[in-house]
């Protein structure tokens, strides 16, 4: 078993692998165009799990680097699961010097509550105070073309 490296160096991350996973396998970004993934990465602090320089896991944080962070797009390729890689990714995220002291660090998940709880994430304390503007199937609806 090889040693997994976690990096924030975007030049070492495979956009092809990240886009393929998000657009074809994820439930939250299915159908996302490559250009959107590329722009999201350019405007986020990204983390990749590398196995012999191959991208096998990913996470990104959208942040103002002062008060707030939003953890998004966390995944480990199916072929590399059950090896503790998601925990390695999360350890790197929560320990990163630029992500300390936030008042709120937020995320959304359908099925990984147990993982995130290990890193101090809890259900929203006051769900009545949180709102969202959610557009289902935005990547498939043509809305992005209409906005261009």
C-alpha atoms as a PDB file:
ATOM      1  CA  UNK A   1       0.000   0.000   0.000  1.00  0.00           C
ATOM      2  CA  UNK A   2       1.468   3.339  -1.016  1.00  0.00           C
ATOM      3  CA  UNK A   3       1.600   6.454   1.101  1.00  0.00           C
ATOM      4  CA  UNK A   4      -1.097   9.037   0.408  1.00  0.00           C
ATOM      5  CA  UNK A   5      -0.053  12.685   0.158  1.00  0.00           C
ATOM      6  CA  UNK A   6      -2.435  15.588   0.789  1.00  0.00           C
ATOM      7  CA  UNK A   7      -1.636  18.766  -1.132  1.00  0.00           C
ATOM      8  CA  UNK A   8      -3.117  22.205  -1.724  1.00  0.00           C
ATOM      9  CA  UNK A   9      -1.007  22.710  -4.856  1.00  0.00           C
ATOM     10  CA  UNK A  10      -3.629  22.978  -7.618  1.00  0.00           C
ATOM     11  CA  UNK A  11      -0.990  22.359 -10.301  1.00  0.00           C
ATOM     12  CA  UNK A  12      -0.676  18.794  -8.988  1.00  0.00           C
ATOM     13  CA  UNK A  13      -4.431  18.096  -9.063  1.00  0.00           C
ATOM     14  CA  UNK A  14      -6.039  16.362 -12.027  1.00  0.00           C
ATOM     15  CA  UNK A  15      -8.893  18.534 -13.239  1.00  0.00           C
ATOM     16  CA  UNK A  16      -9.941  15.634 -15.486  1.00  0.00           C
ATOM     17  CA  UNK A  17     -10.311  13.272 -12.515  1.00  0.00           C
ATOM     18  CA  UNK A  18     -12.055  15.845 -10.334  1.00  0.00           C
ATOM     19  CA  UNK A  19     -14.461  16.893 -13.081  1.00  0.00           C
ATOM     20  CA  UNK A  20     -15.212  13.292 -14.057  1.00  0.00           C
ATOM     21  CA  UNK A  21     -16.066  12.344 -10.469  1.00  0.00           C
ATOM     22  CA  UNK A  22     -18.192  15.414  -9.789  1.00  0.00           C
ATOM     23  CA  UNK A  23     -20.055  15.333 -13.096  1.00  0.00           C
ATOM     24  CA  UNK A  24     -20.569  11.571 -13.375  1.00  0.00           C
ATOM     25  CA  UNK A  25     -20.526  10.056  -9.878  1.00  0.00           C
ATOM     26  CA  UNK A  26     -21.489  12.696  -7.317  1.00  0.00           C
ATOM     27  CA  UNK A  27     -25.102  13.234  -6.313  1.00  0.00           C
ATOM     28  CA  UNK A  28     -24.557  16.951  -5.657  1.00  0.00           C
ATOM     29  CA  UNK A  29     -22.882  18.122  -8.870  1.00  0.00           C
ATOM     30  CA  UNK A  30     -24.025  15.601 -11.450  1.00  0.00           C
ATOM     31  CA  UNK A  31     -23.647  17.056 -14.913  1.00  0.00           C
ATOM     32  CA  UNK A  32     -21.522  20.012 -13.808  1.00  0.00           C
ATOM     33  CA  UNK A  33     -19.616  21.479 -16.759  1.00  0.00           C
ATOM     34  CA  UNK A  34     -15.809  21.312 -16.686  1.00  0.00           C
ATOM     35  CA  UNK A  35     -15.591  25.132 -16.873  1.00  0.00           C
ATOM     36  CA  UNK A  36     -17.631  25.455 -13.674  1.00  0.00           C
ATOM     37  CA  UNK A  37     -15.382  22.990 -11.815  1.00  0.00           C
ATOM     38  CA  UNK A  38     -12.318  24.859 -13.036  1.00  0.00           C
ATOM     39  CA  UNK A  39     -13.729  28.222 -11.902  1.00  0.00           C
ATOM     40  CA  UNK A  40     -14.829  26.804  -8.539  1.00  0.00           C
ATOM     41  CA  UNK A  41     -11.342  25.429  -7.933  1.00  0.00           C
ATOM     42  CA  UNK A  42      -9.707  28.727  -8.924  1.00  0.00           C
ATOM     43  CA  UNK A  43     -11.795  30.533  -6.317  1.00  0.00           C
ATOM     44  CA  UNK A  44     -11.414  28.053  -3.462  1.00  0.00           C
ATOM     45  CA  UNK A  45      -8.752  26.561  -1.242  1.00  0.00           C
ATOM     46  CA  UNK A  46      -8.460  23.050  -2.688  1.00  0.00           C
ATOM     47  CA  UNK A  47      -7.080  19.872  -1.176  1.00  0.00           C
ATOM     48  CA  UNK A  48      -6.213  16.714  -3.098  1.00  0.00           C
ATOM     49  CA  UNK A  49      -5.278  13.262  -1.930  1.00  0.00           C
ATOM     50  CA  UNK A  50      -2.543  11.914  -4.187  1.00  0.00           C
ATOM     51  CA  UNK A  51      -1.421   8.335  -4.626  1.00  0.00           C
ATOM     52  CA  UNK A  52       1.837   8.359  -6.612  1.00  0.00           C
ATOM     53  CA  UNK A  53       0.814  11.761  -8.033  1.00  0.00           C
ATOM     54  CA  UNK A  54      -2.607  10.469  -9.155  1.00  0.00           C
ATOM     55  CA  UNK A  55      -5.567  12.419  -7.751  1.00  0.00           C
ATOM     56  CA  UNK A  56      -7.693   9.972  -5.768  1.00  0.00           C
ATOM     57  CA  UNK A  57      -9.550  12.345  -3.437  1.00  0.00           C
ATOM     58  CA  UNK A  58     -10.549  15.975  -3.263  1.00  0.00           C
ATOM     59  CA  UNK A  59     -12.085  18.667  -1.066  1.00  0.00           C
ATOM     60  CA  UNK A  60     -12.412  22.411  -1.414  1.00  0.00           C
ATOM     61  CA  UNK A  61     -13.221  25.249   0.945  1.00  0.00           C
ATOM     62  CA  UNK A  62     -14.955  28.431  -0.150  1.00  0.00           C
ATOM     63  CA  UNK A  63     -13.904  31.083   2.349  1.00  0.00           C
ATOM     64  CA  UNK A  64     -13.210  34.698   3.206  1.00  0.00           C
ATOM     65  CA  UNK A  65     -10.207  33.431   5.257  1.00  0.00           C
ATOM     66  CA  UNK A  66     -11.455  35.342   8.286  1.00  0.00           C
ATOM     67  CA  UNK A  67     -14.897  34.368   9.557  1.00  0.00           C
ATOM     68  CA  UNK A  68     -16.540  31.763   7.347  1.00  0.00           C
ATOM     69  CA  UNK A  69     -15.791  28.611   5.382  1.00  0.00           C
ATOM     70  CA  UNK A  70     -17.933  26.275   3.330  1.00  0.00           C
ATOM     71  CA  UNK A  71     -16.616  22.772   2.757  1.00  0.00           C
ATOM     72  CA  UNK A  72     -17.639  21.367  -0.617  1.00  0.00           C
ATOM     73  CA  UNK A  73     -17.019  18.632  -3.170  1.00  0.00           C
ATOM     74  CA  UNK A  74     -15.417  16.151  -0.795  1.00  0.00           C
ATOM     75  CA  UNK A  75     -14.825  12.745  -2.363  1.00  0.00           C
ATOM     76  CA  UNK A  76     -12.508   9.768  -2.523  1.00  0.00           C
ATOM     77  CA  UNK A  77     -12.551   7.616  -5.642  1.00  0.00           C
ATOM     78  CA  UNK A  78     -14.474   4.394  -5.102  1.00  0.00           C
ATOM     79  CA  UNK A  79     -11.350   2.319  -5.821  1.00  0.00           C
ATOM     80  CA  UNK A  80      -9.523   3.959  -2.893  1.00  0.00           C
ATOM     81  CA  UNK A  81     -12.216   3.986  -0.204  1.00  0.00           C
ATOM     82  CA  UNK A  82     -12.010   2.269   3.184  1.00  0.00           C
ATOM     83  CA  UNK A  83      -8.345   3.232   3.581  1.00  0.00           C
ATOM     84  CA  UNK A  84      -8.837   6.288   5.829  1.00  0.00           C
ATOM     85  CA  UNK A  85      -8.215   8.767   3.003  1.00  0.00           C
ATOM     86  CA  UNK A  86     -11.321  10.835   3.733  1.00  0.00           C
ATOM     87  CA  UNK A  87     -10.052  11.238   7.301  1.00  0.00           C
ATOM     88  CA  UNK A  88      -6.634  12.297   6.002  1.00  0.00           C
ATOM     89  CA  UNK A  89      -8.320  14.894   3.788  1.00  0.00           C
ATOM     90  CA  UNK A  90     -10.452  16.170   6.654  1.00  0.00           C
ATOM     91  CA  UNK A  91      -7.474  16.326   9.015  1.00  0.00           C
ATOM     92  CA  UNK A  92      -5.657  18.494   6.463  1.00  0.00           C
ATOM     93  CA  UNK A  93      -8.689  20.750   6.004  1.00  0.00           C
ATOM     94  CA  UNK A  94      -9.369  21.397   9.681  1.00  0.00           C
ATOM     95  CA  UNK A  95      -5.658  21.841  10.486  1.00  0.00           C
ATOM     96  CA  UNK A  96      -4.877  24.235   7.632  1.00  0.00           C
ATOM     97  CA  UNK A  97      -3.478  27.504   9.070  1.00  0.00           C
ATOM     98  CA  UNK A  98      -5.651  29.691   6.818  1.00  0.00           C
ATOM     99  CA  UNK A  99      -8.843  28.029   8.050  1.00  0.00           C
ATOM    100  CA  UNK A 100      -8.506  28.685  11.767  1.00  0.00           C
ATOM    101  CA  UNK A 101     -10.695  30.859  13.986  1.00  0.00           C
ATOM    102  CA  UNK A 102     -13.841  30.825  11.849  1.00  0.00           C
ATOM    103  CA  UNK A 103     -17.099  31.714  13.492  1.00  0.00           C
ATOM    104  CA  UNK A 104     -18.893  29.320  11.165  1.00  0.00           C
ATOM    105  CA  UNK A 105     -17.598  26.417   9.099  1.00  0.00           C
ATOM    106  CA  UNK A 106     -20.476  24.954   7.123  1.00  0.00           C
ATOM    107  CA  UNK A 107     -21.117  21.962   4.888  1.00  0.00           C
ATOM    108  CA  UNK A 108     -23.973  19.964   3.420  1.00  0.00           C
ATOM    109  CA  UNK A 109     -24.073  16.190   3.204  1.00  0.00           C
ATOM    110  CA  UNK A 110     -26.605  13.508   2.470  1.00  0.00           C
ATOM    111  CA  UNK A 111     -24.668  10.530   3.759  1.00  0.00           C
ATOM    112  CA  UNK A 112     -21.376  11.380   5.512  1.00  0.00           C
ATOM    113  CA  UNK A 113     -22.557  12.781   8.845  1.00  0.00           C
ATOM    114  CA  UNK A 114     -20.447  10.273  10.777  1.00  0.00           C
ATOM    115  CA  UNK A 115     -17.248  11.357   9.045  1.00  0.00           C
ATOM    116  CA  UNK A 116     -17.813  15.067   9.594  1.00  0.00           C
ATOM    117  CA  UNK A 117     -18.914  14.611  13.222  1.00  0.00           C
ATOM    118  CA  UNK A 118     -15.423  13.260  13.954  1.00  0.00           C
ATOM    119  CA  UNK A 119     -14.098  16.717  13.022  1.00  0.00           C
ATOM    120  CA  UNK A 120     -16.480  18.775  15.137  1.00  0.00           C
ATOM    121  CA  UNK A 121     -19.290  19.359  12.640  1.00  0.00           C
ATOM    122  CA  UNK A 122     -22.795  19.177  14.098  1.00  0.00           C
ATOM    123  CA  UNK A 123     -26.318  19.702  12.788  1.00  0.00           C
ATOM    124  CA  UNK A 124     -27.178  23.383  12.329  1.00  0.00           C
ATOM    125  CA  UNK A 125     -27.979  24.830  15.769  1.00  0.00           C
ATOM    126  CA  UNK A 126     -30.705  27.139  14.502  1.00  0.00           C
ATOM    127  CA  UNK A 127     -32.107  25.806  11.232  1.00  0.00           C
ATOM    128  CA  UNK A 128     -34.827  28.461  11.423  1.00  0.00           C
ATOM    129  CA  UNK A 129     -32.123  31.093  10.813  1.00  0.00           C
ATOM    130  CA  UNK A 130     -30.636  29.462   7.719  1.00  0.00           C
ATOM    131  CA  UNK A 131     -32.002  29.896   4.254  1.00  0.00           C
ATOM    132  CA  UNK A 132     -30.851  28.879   0.831  1.00  0.00           C
ATOM    133  CA  UNK A 133     -31.580  29.502  -2.793  1.00  0.00           C
ATOM    134  CA  UNK A 134     -31.393  26.058  -4.361  1.00  0.00           C
ATOM    135  CA  UNK A 135     -31.653  25.429  -8.080  1.00  0.00           C
ATOM    136  CA  UNK A 136     -32.098  21.733  -8.789  1.00  0.00           C
ATOM    137  CA  UNK A 137     -30.570  20.469 -12.028  1.00  0.00           C
ATOM    138  CA  UNK A 138     -29.020  23.848 -12.862  1.00  0.00           C
ATOM    139  CA  UNK A 139     -26.241  22.109 -14.804  1.00  0.00           C
ATOM    140  CA  UNK A 140     -28.689  20.252 -17.002  1.00  0.00           C
ATOM    141  CA  UNK A 141     -31.371  22.906 -17.441  1.00  0.00           C
ATOM    142  CA  UNK A 142     -29.589  25.230 -19.842  1.00  0.00           C
ATOM    143  CA  UNK A 143     -29.738  28.005 -17.243  1.00  0.00           C
ATOM    144  CA  UNK A 144     -25.965  28.420 -17.382  1.00  0.00           C
ATOM    145  CA  UNK A 145     -26.106  28.971 -21.145  1.00  0.00           C
ATOM    146  CA  UNK A 146     -28.868  31.520 -20.662  1.00  0.00           C
ATOM    147  CA  UNK A 147     -26.759  33.463 -18.142  1.00  0.00           C
ATOM    148  CA  UNK A 148     -23.670  33.595 -20.400  1.00  0.00           C
END
